[in-house]
Amino acid sequence: MGTGMNGDSQRSLLGSCPDCDAGLMGTDVLIQYETRAGQERIFAECPACRSVVHPAY
């Protein structure tokens, strides 16, 4: 599994909300996991529209 989020990654821009285009930061992450295929997945709560989304890159 991944190493988790350190202080620098919590302050970095992950991407944008696909619903409202607001920027998503590491502090917005609700869950981060790795699939069986080894791909990292993230769910974050958008601070603007409050939707739970996969960040768009």
C-alpha atoms as a PDB file:
ATOM      1  CA  MET A   1       0.000   0.000   0.000  1.00  0.00           C
ATOM      2  CA  GLY A   2       1.107   3.638  -0.458  1.00  0.00           C
ATOM      3  CA  THR A   3       3.100   5.609   2.033  1.00  0.00           C
ATOM      4  CA  GLY A   4       0.229   7.895   2.974  1.00  0.00           C
ATOM      5  CA  MET A   5       0.120  11.628   2.857  1.00  0.00           C
ATOM      6  CA  ASN A   6       2.883  13.661   4.464  1.00  0.00           C
ATOM      7  CA  GLY A   7       2.751  17.361   5.324  1.00  0.00           C
ATOM      8  CA  ASP A   8       3.862  18.519   1.870  1.00  0.00           C
ATOM      9  CA  SER A   9       1.281  16.424   0.016  1.00  0.00           C
ATOM     10  CA  GLN A  10      -1.510  17.680   2.294  1.00  0.00           C
ATOM     11  CA  ARG A  11      -0.779  21.241   1.125  1.00  0.00           C
ATOM     12  CA  SER A  12      -0.405  20.385  -2.565  1.00  0.00           C
ATOM     13  CA  LEU A  13      -3.082  20.679  -5.229  1.00  0.00           C
ATOM     14  CA  LEU A  14      -4.503  17.231  -6.091  1.00  0.00           C
ATOM     15  CA  GLY A  15      -6.666  18.354  -8.958  1.00  0.00           C
ATOM     16  CA  SER A  16     -10.067  19.930  -9.349  1.00  0.00           C
ATOM     17  CA  CYS A  17     -13.632  19.021  -8.503  1.00  0.00           C
ATOM     18  CA  PRO A  18     -15.371  17.538 -11.567  1.00  0.00           C
ATOM     19  CA  ASP A  19     -18.669  19.058 -10.362  1.00  0.00           C
ATOM     20  CA  CYS A  20     -17.683  22.713  -9.772  1.00  0.00           C
ATOM     21  CA  ASP A  21     -14.000  22.970 -10.855  1.00  0.00           C
ATOM     22  CA  ALA A  22     -12.780  24.122  -7.419  1.00  0.00           C
ATOM     23  CA  GLY A  23      -9.224  23.166  -6.463  1.00  0.00           C
ATOM     24  CA  LEU A  24      -8.813  20.113  -4.207  1.00  0.00           C
ATOM     25  CA  MET A  25      -5.953  19.925  -1.722  1.00  0.00           C
ATOM     26  CA  GLY A  26      -4.483  17.020   0.222  1.00  0.00           C
ATOM     27  CA  THR A  27      -6.374  18.208   3.296  1.00  0.00           C
ATOM     28  CA  ASP A  28      -9.649  17.491   1.433  1.00  0.00           C
ATOM     29  CA  VAL A  29      -8.879  13.756   1.069  1.00  0.00           C
ATOM     30  CA  LEU A  30     -11.364  11.461   2.804  1.00  0.00           C
ATOM     31  CA  ILE A  31      -9.880   8.125   1.733  1.00  0.00           C
ATOM     32  CA  GLN A  32      -6.851   7.039  -0.257  1.00  0.00           C
ATOM     33  CA  TYR A  33      -6.285   3.429  -1.278  1.00  0.00           C
ATOM     34  CA  GLU A  34      -4.555   1.197  -3.782  1.00  0.00           C
ATOM     35  CA  THR A  35      -6.425  -1.191  -6.085  1.00  0.00           C
ATOM     36  CA  ARG A  36      -5.393  -4.811  -6.600  1.00  0.00           C
ATOM     37  CA  ALA A  37      -3.814  -3.665  -9.859  1.00  0.00           C
ATOM     38  CA  GLY A  38      -1.620  -1.250  -7.882  1.00  0.00           C
ATOM     39  CA  GLN A  39      -3.366   1.953  -8.948  1.00  0.00           C
ATOM     40  CA  GLU A  40      -3.866   4.673  -6.335  1.00  0.00           C
ATOM     41  CA  ARG A  41      -7.424   5.945  -5.865  1.00  0.00           C
ATOM     42  CA  ILE A  42      -8.562   8.988  -3.922  1.00  0.00           C
ATOM     43  CA  PHE A  43     -11.930  10.291  -2.761  1.00  0.00           C
ATOM     44  CA  ALA A  44     -11.993  13.905  -1.593  1.00  0.00           C
ATOM     45  CA  GLU A  45     -14.661  16.271  -0.303  1.00  0.00           C
ATOM     46  CA  CYS A  46     -14.872  19.451  -2.326  1.00  0.00           C
ATOM     47  CA  PRO A  47     -14.651  22.479  -0.001  1.00  0.00           C
ATOM     48  CA  ALA A  48     -16.806  24.552  -2.378  1.00  0.00           C
ATOM     49  CA  CYS A  49     -19.766  22.292  -3.282  1.00  0.00           C
ATOM     50  CA  ARG A  50     -19.264  19.615  -0.557  1.00  0.00           C
ATOM     51  CA  SER A  51     -19.524  16.737  -3.080  1.00  0.00           C
ATOM     52  CA  VAL A  52     -17.422  13.623  -2.555  1.00  0.00           C
ATOM     53  CA  VAL A  53     -15.464  13.153  -5.777  1.00  0.00           C
ATOM     54  CA  HIS A  54     -12.431  11.646  -7.498  1.00  0.00           C
ATOM     55  CA  PRO A  55     -10.182  14.666  -8.217  1.00  0.00           C
ATOM     56  CA  ALA A  56      -9.890  15.511 -11.922  1.00  0.00           C
ATOM     57  CA  TYR A  57      -6.278  16.052 -13.035  1.00  0.00           C
END
